[in-house]
Amino acid sequence: MSGLGSVFKYYSFRKKVLDSFREESIYFSHVDQFNDPFEGRLGIVQAQFDEARENQISILAEYFSGGVIKQLRCNEHNFNKAYDLSRSMVGQSLELPLQDRMGVVCFTSNHAHSDGLRATDSERPELNRLMWSHYASCLAGFCVEFDPVVLLEGFRNLNPGLTHDHFDLQCVQYTEKRFLLDAMDTVERYAIEGGKRADFVHWLEQTTQAYFQKSAAWSYEREVRIVGVDQARKKVKFSASAIKNVFIGYRMQKSKQTQLVALFKSLGVDSFMRVRLAEDSFQLTATPM
């Protein structure tokens, strides 16, 4: 993504986090580890009975009956049954396998998102008050600034078998209009056609866009994501040269600060900032350590 600039990731001070940095690796989470229950869930359009679907109902009936039923009357009862079976299959055959394949790393940035908002100077990504509270132990944790270009280059160069095609970096779209699938169309394309349709690959790529879409209620995060195919619950090597700055919350214990600074210095990082409460406002400030 051109013009993105730096991306920032918030951390609590935990052994497994420090171990990952020592190994110069980043953990790609499975969506079931996130706090938004809609993560990785595919929206299903609430379709209405339509007599024009007569042929599709018969195709689905033959599929779900294992070929026993060749023709089925087009009525509301049969439509609802076909749709319920299709909706269940979408969850088991598409949604869950996608969740198990897609590993996600979340960052924040001041890039303009789809809602048109950009972080102001007083709400710079590294000084996001809610992010410090929710993801960095209420200023007892830390925040790392990364160069996304160098980060992605490291993913591709330091991990045998992984290429550009394995990773996708995008800003999250904040909206109340979910990406929706028609369950019956989905089963016809995904299961029955078996991927033979010319538009299947494009359709599957569209489906993965659900991983870059969240409710506007989460827009304070100003999230940028890297989604890694087949990387869920895996550590991926990166180059420590991607680290530009480390911001340390003022509430972190002195002994932990010393340990943290020593770790990042061993990785070649030489820029550290302390984040404190402003004395004249409800903002945060950062000063060199």
C-alpha atoms as a PDB file:
ATOM      1  CA  MET A   1       0.000   0.000   0.000  1.00  0.00           C
ATOM      2  CA  SER A   2       1.654   3.192  -1.160  1.00  0.00           C
ATOM      3  CA  GLY A   3       1.921   6.180   1.147  1.00  0.00           C
ATOM      4  CA  LEU A   4       1.078   4.200   4.263  1.00  0.00           C
ATOM      5  CA  GLY A   5       4.068   5.341   6.328  1.00  0.00           C
ATOM      6  CA  SER A   6       4.791   3.711   9.667  1.00  0.00           C
ATOM      7  CA  VAL A   7       2.551   1.180  11.381  1.00  0.00           C
ATOM      8  CA  PHE A   8       2.408   0.692  15.156  1.00  0.00           C
ATOM      9  CA  LYS A   9       1.708  -2.359  17.285  1.00  0.00           C
ATOM     10  CA  TYR A  10       0.850  -2.293  20.981  1.00  0.00           C
ATOM     11  CA  TYR A  11       2.040  -4.941  23.429  1.00  0.00           C
ATOM     12  CA  SER A  12       1.752  -5.924  27.056  1.00  0.00           C
ATOM     13  CA  PHE A  13       5.010  -6.849  28.772  1.00  0.00           C
ATOM     14  CA  ARG A  14       4.861 -10.637  28.534  1.00  0.00           C
ATOM     15  CA  LYS A  15       7.513 -13.332  28.218  1.00  0.00           C
ATOM     16  CA  LYS A  16       6.135 -14.765  24.975  1.00  0.00           C
ATOM     17  CA  VAL A  17       6.155 -11.283  23.413  1.00  0.00           C
ATOM     18  CA  LEU A  18       9.781 -10.706  24.419  1.00  0.00           C
ATOM     19  CA  ASP A  19      10.734 -14.172  23.185  1.00  0.00           C
ATOM     20  CA  SER A  20       9.218 -13.396  19.776  1.00  0.00           C
ATOM     21  CA  PHE A  21      11.319 -10.254  19.455  1.00  0.00           C
ATOM     22  CA  ARG A  22      14.459 -12.158  20.503  1.00  0.00           C
ATOM     23  CA  GLU A  23      13.696 -14.618  17.710  1.00  0.00           C
ATOM     24  CA  GLU A  24      12.896 -11.741  15.334  1.00  0.00           C
ATOM     25  CA  SER A  25       9.489 -13.230  14.620  1.00  0.00           C
ATOM     26  CA  ILE A  26       5.908 -11.993  14.619  1.00  0.00           C
ATOM     27  CA  TYR A  27       2.940 -14.131  15.606  1.00  0.00           C
ATOM     28  CA  PHE A  28       0.039 -14.399  13.169  1.00  0.00           C
ATOM     29  CA  SER A  29      -3.146 -14.851  15.181  1.00  0.00           C
ATOM     30  CA  HIS A  30      -6.166 -16.987  14.384  1.00  0.00           C
ATOM     31  CA  VAL A  31      -9.307 -14.841  14.324  1.00  0.00           C
ATOM     32  CA  ASP A  32     -10.820 -16.786  17.225  1.00  0.00           C
ATOM     33  CA  GLN A  33      -8.177 -15.115  19.417  1.00  0.00           C
ATOM     34  CA  PHE A  34      -9.568 -11.626  18.718  1.00  0.00           C
ATOM     35  CA  ASN A  35     -12.034  -9.692  20.846  1.00  0.00           C
ATOM     36  CA  ASP A  36     -14.485  -8.891  18.041  1.00  0.00           C
ATOM     37  CA  PRO A  37     -16.948 -11.819  17.710  1.00  0.00           C
ATOM     38  CA  PHE A  38     -17.579 -10.945  14.054  1.00  0.00           C
ATOM     39  CA  GLU A  39     -13.950 -11.623  13.044  1.00  0.00           C
ATOM     40  CA  GLY A  40     -13.725 -14.127  10.210  1.00  0.00           C
ATOM     41  CA  ARG A  41     -17.484 -14.525  10.011  1.00  0.00           C
ATOM     42  CA  LEU A  42     -18.985 -14.358   6.552  1.00  0.00           C
ATOM     43  CA  GLY A  43     -22.150 -12.285   6.324  1.00  0.00           C
ATOM     44  CA  ILE A  44     -25.110 -14.093   4.758  1.00  0.00           C
ATOM     45  CA  VAL A  45     -27.775 -12.133   2.894  1.00  0.00           C
ATOM     46  CA  GLN A  46     -31.312 -12.872   4.037  1.00  0.00           C
ATOM     47  CA  ALA A  47     -32.628 -14.020   0.663  1.00  0.00           C
ATOM     48  CA  GLN A  48     -36.318 -14.019  -0.176  1.00  0.00           C
ATOM     49  CA  PHE A  49     -38.210 -16.684  -2.103  1.00  0.00           C
ATOM     50  CA  ASP A  50     -37.955 -16.113  -5.829  1.00  0.00           C
ATOM     51  CA  GLU A  51     -39.582 -18.322  -8.478  1.00  0.00           C
ATOM     52  CA  ALA A  52     -36.698 -17.458 -10.807  1.00  0.00           C
ATOM     53  CA  ARG A  53     -34.534 -19.777  -8.673  1.00  0.00           C
ATOM     54  CA  GLU A  54     -36.388 -22.902  -9.780  1.00  0.00           C
ATOM     55  CA  ASN A  55     -33.417 -24.330 -11.664  1.00  0.00           C
ATOM     56  CA  GLN A  56     -31.033 -23.533  -8.812  1.00  0.00           C
ATOM     57  CA  ILE A  57     -33.302 -25.232  -6.258  1.00  0.00           C
ATOM     58  CA  SER A  58     -33.268 -28.433  -8.348  1.00  0.00           C
ATOM     59  CA  ILE A  59     -29.466 -28.281  -8.708  1.00  0.00           C
ATOM     60  CA  LEU A  60     -29.061 -27.911  -4.948  1.00  0.00           C
ATOM     61  CA  ALA A  61     -31.617 -30.627  -4.204  1.00  0.00           C
ATOM     62  CA  GLU A  62     -29.714 -33.065  -6.412  1.00  0.00           C
ATOM     63  CA  TYR A  63     -26.456 -32.108  -4.715  1.00  0.00           C
ATOM     64  CA  PHE A  64     -27.689 -32.367  -1.124  1.00  0.00           C
ATOM     65  CA  SER A  65     -29.570 -35.631  -1.799  1.00  0.00           C
ATOM     66  CA  GLY A  66     -26.541 -37.233  -3.383  1.00  0.00           C
ATOM     67  CA  GLY A  67     -28.241 -37.429  -6.748  1.00  0.00           C
ATOM     68  CA  VAL A  68     -31.445 -39.038  -5.498  1.00  0.00           C
ATOM     69  CA  ILE A  69     -33.582 -35.964  -6.210  1.00  0.00           C
ATOM     70  CA  LYS A  70     -33.307 -34.747  -9.799  1.00  0.00           C
ATOM     71  CA  GLN A  71     -36.110 -32.208  -9.832  1.00  0.00           C
ATOM     72  CA  LEU A  72     -37.843 -30.232  -7.081  1.00  0.00           C
ATOM     73  CA  ARG A  73     -40.839 -27.966  -7.209  1.00  0.00           C
ATOM     74  CA  CYS A  74     -40.065 -24.289  -6.773  1.00  0.00           C
ATOM     75  CA  ASN A  75     -42.066 -23.213  -3.746  1.00  0.00           C
ATOM     76  CA  GLU A  76     -41.290 -21.312  -0.577  1.00  0.00           C
ATOM     77  CA  HIS A  77     -40.901 -24.451   1.549  1.00  0.00           C
ATOM     78  CA  ASN A  78     -38.325 -26.021  -0.766  1.00  0.00           C
ATOM     79  CA  PHE A  79     -36.551 -22.692  -1.175  1.00  0.00           C
ATOM     80  CA  ASN A  80     -36.196 -22.253   2.598  1.00  0.00           C
ATOM     81  CA  LYS A  81     -34.930 -25.823   3.015  1.00  0.00           C
ATOM     82  CA  ALA A  82     -32.349 -25.380   0.244  1.00  0.00           C
ATOM     83  CA  TYR A  83     -31.269 -22.070   1.699  1.00  0.00           C
ATOM     84  CA  ASP A  84     -30.884 -23.439   5.245  1.00  0.00           C
ATOM     85  CA  LEU A  85     -28.773 -26.356   3.991  1.00  0.00           C
ATOM     86  CA  SER A  86     -26.682 -23.962   1.906  1.00  0.00           C
ATOM     87  CA  ARG A  87     -26.161 -21.579   4.812  1.00  0.00           C
ATOM     88  CA  SER A  88     -24.968 -24.441   7.024  1.00  0.00           C
ATOM     89  CA  MET A  89     -22.583 -25.650   4.344  1.00  0.00           C
ATOM     90  CA  VAL A  90     -21.112 -22.171   3.867  1.00  0.00           C
ATOM     91  CA  GLY A  91     -20.173 -22.153   7.549  1.00  0.00           C
ATOM     92  CA  GLN A  92     -18.631 -25.630   7.548  1.00  0.00           C
ATOM     93  CA  SER A  93     -17.014 -25.717   4.104  1.00  0.00           C
ATOM     94  CA  LEU A  94     -15.954 -22.124   3.530  1.00  0.00           C
ATOM     95  CA  GLU A  95     -16.039 -19.990   6.674  1.00  0.00           C
ATOM     96  CA  LEU A  96     -14.232 -22.375   9.043  1.00  0.00           C
ATOM     97  CA  PRO A  97     -11.545 -23.461   6.526  1.00  0.00           C
ATOM     98  CA  LEU A  98     -10.855 -19.816   5.707  1.00  0.00           C
ATOM     99  CA  GLN A  99     -10.505 -19.017   9.408  1.00  0.00           C
ATOM    100  CA  ASP A 100      -7.970 -21.814   9.812  1.00  0.00           C
ATOM    101  CA  ARG A 101      -5.942 -20.565   6.843  1.00  0.00           C
ATOM    102  CA  MET A 102      -5.860 -16.826   7.465  1.00  0.00           C
ATOM    103  CA  GLY A 103      -3.333 -15.615  10.036  1.00  0.00           C
ATOM    104  CA  VAL A 104      -3.644 -11.951  10.981  1.00  0.00           C
ATOM    105  CA  VAL A 105      -1.284  -9.331  12.454  1.00  0.00           C
ATOM    106  CA  CYS A 106      -2.915  -6.068  13.525  1.00  0.00           C
ATOM    107  CA  PHE A 107      -1.347  -2.614  13.579  1.00  0.00           C
ATOM    108  CA  THR A 108      -2.575   0.947  13.869  1.00  0.00           C
ATOM    109  CA  SER A 109      -1.618   3.907  11.668  1.00  0.00           C
ATOM    110  CA  ASN A 110      -2.651   7.447  10.803  1.00  0.00           C
ATOM    111  CA  HIS A 111      -3.521   6.479   7.254  1.00  0.00           C
ATOM    112  CA  ALA A 112      -6.893   7.795   6.063  1.00  0.00           C
ATOM    113  CA  HIS A 113      -9.390   4.936   6.359  1.00  0.00           C
ATOM    114  CA  SER A 114     -12.591   4.341   4.465  1.00  0.00           C
ATOM    115  CA  ASP A 115     -14.584   6.422   6.928  1.00  0.00           C
ATOM    116  CA  GLY A 116     -12.554   9.440   5.809  1.00  0.00           C
ATOM    117  CA  LEU A 117     -11.030  10.028   9.224  1.00  0.00           C
ATOM    118  CA  ARG A 118      -7.349  10.466   9.887  1.00  0.00           C
ATOM    119  CA  ALA A 119      -5.692  10.584  13.272  1.00  0.00           C
ATOM    120  CA  THR A 120      -4.997  14.156  14.357  1.00  0.00           C
ATOM    121  CA  ASP A 121      -1.636  15.288  15.677  1.00  0.00           C
ATOM    122  CA  SER A 122      -2.976  14.957  19.205  1.00  0.00           C
ATOM    123  CA  GLU A 123      -4.105  11.401  18.453  1.00  0.00           C
ATOM    124  CA  ARG A 124      -1.062  10.096  16.656  1.00  0.00           C
ATOM    125  CA  PRO A 125      -1.014   6.290  16.346  1.00  0.00           C
ATOM    126  CA  GLU A 126       1.655   5.928  19.020  1.00  0.00           C
ATOM    127  CA  LEU A 127      -0.348   8.151  21.381  1.00  0.00           C
ATOM    128  CA  ASN A 128      -3.760   6.549  20.922  1.00  0.00           C
ATOM    129  CA  ARG A 129      -5.205   6.621  24.441  1.00  0.00           C
ATOM    130  CA  LEU A 130      -7.650   3.766  23.925  1.00  0.00           C
ATOM    131  CA  MET A 131      -5.041   1.557  22.295  1.00  0.00           C
ATOM    132  CA  TRP A 132      -2.667   2.086  25.227  1.00  0.00           C
ATOM    133  CA  SER A 133      -5.477   1.230  27.624  1.00  0.00           C
ATOM    134  CA  HIS A 134      -6.822  -1.807  25.779  1.00  0.00           C
ATOM    135  CA  TYR A 135      -3.677  -3.412  24.365  1.00  0.00           C
ATOM    136  CA  ALA A 136      -0.695  -2.128  26.365  1.00  0.00           C
ATOM    137  CA  SER A 137      -1.755  -2.660  29.970  1.00  0.00           C
ATOM    138  CA  CYS A 138      -2.902   0.917  30.597  1.00  0.00           C
ATOM    139  CA  LEU A 139       0.529   2.425  29.825  1.00  0.00           C
ATOM    140  CA  ALA A 140       2.439  -0.354  31.593  1.00  0.00           C
ATOM    141  CA  GLY A 141       3.226  -1.921  28.216  1.00  0.00           C
ATOM    142  CA  PHE A 142       4.904  -0.658  25.053  1.00  0.00           C
ATOM    143  CA  CYS A 143       4.312   0.221  21.416  1.00  0.00           C
ATOM    144  CA  VAL A 144       6.619  -0.592  18.491  1.00  0.00           C
ATOM    145  CA  GLU A 145       6.837   1.477  15.304  1.00  0.00           C
ATOM    146  CA  PHE A 146       7.511  -0.590  12.171  1.00  0.00           C
ATOM    147  CA  ASP A 147       8.369   0.227   8.587  1.00  0.00           C
ATOM    148  CA  PRO A 148       5.760  -1.913   6.741  1.00  0.00           C
ATOM    149  CA  VAL A 149       7.799  -2.154   3.544  1.00  0.00           C
ATOM    150  CA  VAL A 150      10.844  -3.563   5.355  1.00  0.00           C
ATOM    151  CA  LEU A 151       8.581  -5.774   7.462  1.00  0.00           C
ATOM    152  CA  LEU A 152       6.986  -7.392   4.403  1.00  0.00           C
ATOM    153  CA  GLU A 153      10.347  -7.763   2.686  1.00  0.00           C
ATOM    154  CA  GLY A 154      11.586  -9.672   5.710  1.00  0.00           C
ATOM    155  CA  PHE A 155       8.556 -11.962   5.672  1.00  0.00           C
ATOM    156  CA  ARG A 156       9.256 -12.848   2.060  1.00  0.00           C
ATOM    157  CA  ASN A 157      13.066 -13.073   2.249  1.00  0.00           C
ATOM    158  CA  LEU A 158      13.575 -14.797   5.602  1.00  0.00           C
ATOM    159  CA  ASN A 159      10.908 -17.502   5.392  1.00  0.00           C
ATOM    160  CA  PRO A 160      11.581 -20.209   2.786  1.00  0.00           C
ATOM    161  CA  GLY A 161       8.554 -20.943   0.659  1.00  0.00           C
ATOM    162  CA  LEU A 162       6.728 -17.712   1.472  1.00  0.00           C
ATOM    163  CA  THR A 163       6.289 -15.143  -1.287  1.00  0.00           C
ATOM    164  CA  HIS A 164       4.479 -11.898  -2.017  1.00  0.00           C
ATOM    165  CA  ASP A 165       1.295 -13.880  -2.673  1.00  0.00           C
ATOM    166  CA  HIS A 166       1.214 -15.186   0.896  1.00  0.00           C
ATOM    167  CA  PHE A 167       0.725 -11.749   2.469  1.00  0.00           C
ATOM    168  CA  ASP A 168      -1.789  -8.975   1.988  1.00  0.00           C
ATOM    169  CA  LEU A 169      -1.544  -5.596   3.750  1.00  0.00           C
ATOM    170  CA  GLN A 170      -4.615  -3.358   3.765  1.00  0.00           C
ATOM    171  CA  CYS A 171      -6.333  -0.745   5.894  1.00  0.00           C
ATOM    172  CA  VAL A 172      -9.427  -2.053   7.643  1.00  0.00           C
ATOM    173  CA  GLN A 173     -12.680  -0.731   6.230  1.00  0.00           C
ATOM    174  CA  TYR A 174     -14.996   0.531   8.972  1.00  0.00           C
ATOM    175  CA  THR A 175     -18.614   0.212   7.972  1.00  0.00           C
ATOM    176  CA  GLU A 176     -22.007  -1.030   9.108  1.00  0.00           C
ATOM    177  CA  LYS A 177     -22.576  -2.657   5.707  1.00  0.00           C
ATOM    178  CA  ARG A 178     -21.106  -6.130   5.877  1.00  0.00           C
ATOM    179  CA  PHE A 179     -19.723  -8.064   2.946  1.00  0.00           C
ATOM    180  CA  LEU A 180     -22.596 -10.486   2.276  1.00  0.00           C
ATOM    181  CA  LEU A 181     -22.787 -13.824   0.502  1.00  0.00           C
ATOM    182  CA  ASP A 182     -25.822 -15.435  -1.028  1.00  0.00           C
ATOM    183  CA  ALA A 183     -25.690 -18.928   0.507  1.00  0.00           C
ATOM    184  CA  MET A 184     -27.285 -20.714  -2.446  1.00  0.00           C
ATOM    185  CA  ASP A 185     -25.069 -18.989  -5.018  1.00  0.00           C
ATOM    186  CA  THR A 186     -22.064 -19.770  -2.833  1.00  0.00           C
ATOM    187  CA  VAL A 187     -22.748 -23.509  -2.655  1.00  0.00           C
ATOM    188  CA  GLU A 188     -23.429 -23.673  -6.381  1.00  0.00           C
ATOM    189  CA  ARG A 189     -20.099 -21.974  -7.137  1.00  0.00           C
ATOM    190  CA  TYR A 190     -17.935 -23.359  -4.337  1.00  0.00           C
ATOM    191  CA  ALA A 191     -19.143 -26.934  -3.976  1.00  0.00           C
ATOM    192  CA  ILE A 192     -21.059 -27.951  -7.089  1.00  0.00           C
ATOM    193  CA  GLU A 193     -19.049 -26.114  -9.724  1.00  0.00           C
ATOM    194  CA  GLY A 194     -15.871 -27.078  -7.902  1.00  0.00           C
ATOM    195  CA  GLY A 195     -14.096 -23.902  -8.854  1.00  0.00           C
ATOM    196  CA  LYS A 196     -14.561 -24.406 -12.593  1.00  0.00           C
ATOM    197  CA  ARG A 197     -16.345 -21.117 -13.149  1.00  0.00           C
ATOM    198  CA  ALA A 198     -14.166 -18.429 -14.717  1.00  0.00           C
ATOM    199  CA  ASP A 199     -15.019 -16.002 -11.904  1.00  0.00           C
ATOM    200  CA  PHE A 200     -14.350 -18.424  -9.028  1.00  0.00           C
ATOM    201  CA  VAL A 201     -10.885 -17.136  -8.103  1.00  0.00           C
ATOM    202  CA  HIS A 202     -12.114 -13.536  -8.178  1.00  0.00           C
ATOM    203  CA  TRP A 203     -15.099 -14.511  -6.048  1.00  0.00           C
ATOM    204  CA  LEU A 204     -12.882 -16.230  -3.470  1.00  0.00           C
ATOM    205  CA  GLU A 205     -10.632 -13.154  -3.304  1.00  0.00           C
ATOM    206  CA  GLN A 206     -13.704 -11.048  -2.617  1.00  0.00           C
ATOM    207  CA  THR A 207     -14.662 -13.397   0.212  1.00  0.00           C
ATOM    208  CA  THR A 208     -11.349 -12.796   1.978  1.00  0.00           C
ATOM    209  CA  GLN A 209     -12.200  -9.089   2.068  1.00  0.00           C
ATOM    210  CA  ALA A 210     -14.286  -9.954   5.124  1.00  0.00           C
ATOM    211  CA  TYR A 211     -10.948 -10.001   6.963  1.00  0.00           C
ATOM    212  CA  PHE A 212     -10.439  -6.311   6.207  1.00  0.00           C
ATOM    213  CA  GLN A 213     -13.896  -5.150   7.287  1.00  0.00           C
ATOM    214  CA  LYS A 214     -15.110  -4.224  10.773  1.00  0.00           C
ATOM    215  CA  SER A 215     -17.952  -2.354  12.401  1.00  0.00           C
ATOM    216  CA  ALA A 216     -17.490   1.409  12.718  1.00  0.00           C
ATOM    217  CA  ALA A 217     -17.559   0.879  16.496  1.00  0.00           C
ATOM    218  CA  TRP A 218     -13.896  -0.203  16.188  1.00  0.00           C
ATOM    219  CA  SER A 219     -12.755   2.784  14.129  1.00  0.00           C
ATOM    220  CA  TYR A 220     -10.726   4.247  17.027  1.00  0.00           C
ATOM    221  CA  GLU A 221      -8.157   1.520  16.331  1.00  0.00           C
ATOM    222  CA  ARG A 222      -7.308   2.935  12.858  1.00  0.00           C
ATOM    223  CA  GLU A 223      -6.291  -0.597  12.026  1.00  0.00           C
ATOM    224  CA  VAL A 224      -3.986  -1.850   9.304  1.00  0.00           C
ATOM    225  CA  ARG A 225      -3.730  -5.604   8.864  1.00  0.00           C
ATOM    226  CA  ILE A 226      -1.343  -8.049   7.334  1.00  0.00           C
ATOM    227  CA  VAL A 227      -3.158 -11.268   6.487  1.00  0.00           C
ATOM    228  CA  GLY A 228      -0.935 -14.283   5.884  1.00  0.00           C
ATOM    229  CA  VAL A 229      -2.316 -17.254   3.957  1.00  0.00           C
ATOM    230  CA  ASP A 230      -1.752 -20.526   5.844  1.00  0.00           C
ATOM    231  CA  GLN A 231      -0.017 -18.622   8.679  1.00  0.00           C
ATOM    232  CA  ALA A 232      -2.680 -18.828  11.428  1.00  0.00           C
ATOM    233  CA  ARG A 233      -1.104 -19.481  14.845  1.00  0.00           C
ATOM    234  CA  LYS A 234       2.392 -19.381  13.341  1.00  0.00           C
ATOM    235  CA  LYS A 235       5.481 -17.253  13.942  1.00  0.00           C
ATOM    236  CA  VAL A 236       6.957 -15.596  10.863  1.00  0.00           C
ATOM    237  CA  LYS A 237      10.539 -14.306  10.753  1.00  0.00           C
ATOM    238  CA  PHE A 238      11.133 -10.610  10.104  1.00  0.00           C
ATOM    239  CA  SER A 239      14.147  -8.295   9.980  1.00  0.00           C
ATOM    240  CA  ALA A 240      14.742  -6.195  13.096  1.00  0.00           C
ATOM    241  CA  SER A 241      15.718  -3.369  10.737  1.00  0.00           C
ATOM    242  CA  ALA A 242      11.958  -2.880  10.287  1.00  0.00           C
ATOM    243  CA  ILE A 243      11.773  -1.479  13.852  1.00  0.00           C
ATOM    244  CA  LYS A 244      12.019   2.318  13.881  1.00  0.00           C
ATOM    245  CA  ASN A 245      11.067   3.294  17.454  1.00  0.00           C
ATOM    246  CA  VAL A 246       9.951   1.799  20.732  1.00  0.00           C
ATOM    247  CA  PHE A 247       7.488   3.733  22.916  1.00  0.00           C
ATOM    248  CA  ILE A 248       7.403   2.717  26.586  1.00  0.00           C
ATOM    249  CA  GLY A 249       4.497   3.515  28.873  1.00  0.00           C
ATOM    250  CA  TYR A 250       5.377   5.476  31.999  1.00  0.00           C
ATOM    251  CA  ARG A 251       3.701   2.909  34.256  1.00  0.00           C
ATOM    252  CA  MET A 252       6.085   0.096  33.283  1.00  0.00           C
ATOM    253  CA  GLN A 253       8.244  -1.004  36.204  1.00  0.00           C
ATOM    254  CA  LYS A 254      11.845   0.199  36.096  1.00  0.00           C
ATOM    255  CA  SER A 255      13.277  -3.322  36.032  1.00  0.00           C
ATOM    256  CA  LYS A 256      11.075  -4.209  33.066  1.00  0.00           C
ATOM    257  CA  GLN A 257      12.042  -1.013  31.254  1.00  0.00           C
ATOM    258  CA  THR A 258      15.706  -1.917  31.660  1.00  0.00           C
ATOM    259  CA  GLN A 259      15.077  -5.419  30.331  1.00  0.00           C
ATOM    260  CA  LEU A 260      13.035  -4.130  27.390  1.00  0.00           C
ATOM    261  CA  VAL A 261      15.563  -1.495  26.338  1.00  0.00           C
ATOM    262  CA  ALA A 262      18.410  -4.026  26.535  1.00  0.00           C
ATOM    263  CA  LEU A 263      16.473  -6.449  24.335  1.00  0.00           C
ATOM    264  CA  PHE A 264      15.753  -3.901  21.613  1.00  0.00           C
ATOM    265  CA  LYS A 265      19.288  -2.499  21.725  1.00  0.00           C
ATOM    266  CA  SER A 266      20.538  -6.034  21.054  1.00  0.00           C
ATOM    267  CA  LEU A 267      18.387  -5.928  17.895  1.00  0.00           C
ATOM    268  CA  GLY A 268      20.014  -2.694  16.775  1.00  0.00           C
ATOM    269  CA  VAL A 269      17.253  -0.313  17.903  1.00  0.00           C
ATOM    270  CA  ASP A 270      18.524   2.980  19.311  1.00  0.00           C
ATOM    271  CA  SER A 271      15.396   5.142  19.523  1.00  0.00           C
ATOM    272  CA  PHE A 272      13.251   4.956  22.664  1.00  0.00           C
ATOM    273  CA  MET A 273      10.434   7.244  23.759  1.00  0.00           C
ATOM    274  CA  ARG A 274       8.621   7.493  27.076  1.00  0.00           C
ATOM    275  CA  VAL A 275       4.873   8.032  26.900  1.00  0.00           C
ATOM    276  CA  ARG A 276       3.289  10.020  29.722  1.00  0.00           C
ATOM    277  CA  LEU A 277       0.072  11.811  30.579  1.00  0.00           C
ATOM    278  CA  ALA A 278      -0.029  15.438  29.454  1.00  0.00           C
ATOM    279  CA  GLU A 279      -0.267  17.894  32.349  1.00  0.00           C
ATOM    280  CA  ASP A 280      -2.615  20.349  30.611  1.00  0.00           C
ATOM    281  CA  SER A 281      -5.047  18.073  28.705  1.00  0.00           C
ATOM    282  CA  PHE A 282      -6.409  14.550  28.382  1.00  0.00           C
ATOM    283  CA  GLN A 283      -3.755  13.708  25.772  1.00  0.00           C
ATOM    284  CA  LEU A 284      -0.581  11.620  25.900  1.00  0.00           C
ATOM    285  CA  THR A 285       2.909  12.929  25.176  1.00  0.00           C
ATOM    286  CA  ALA A 286       6.117  11.223  24.083  1.00  0.00           C
ATOM    287  CA  THR A 287       9.640  12.337  24.937  1.00  0.00           C
ATOM    288  CA  PRO A 288      13.036  10.753  24.205  1.00  0.00           C
ATOM    289  CA  MET A 289      14.434   8.507  26.932  1.00  0.00           C
END
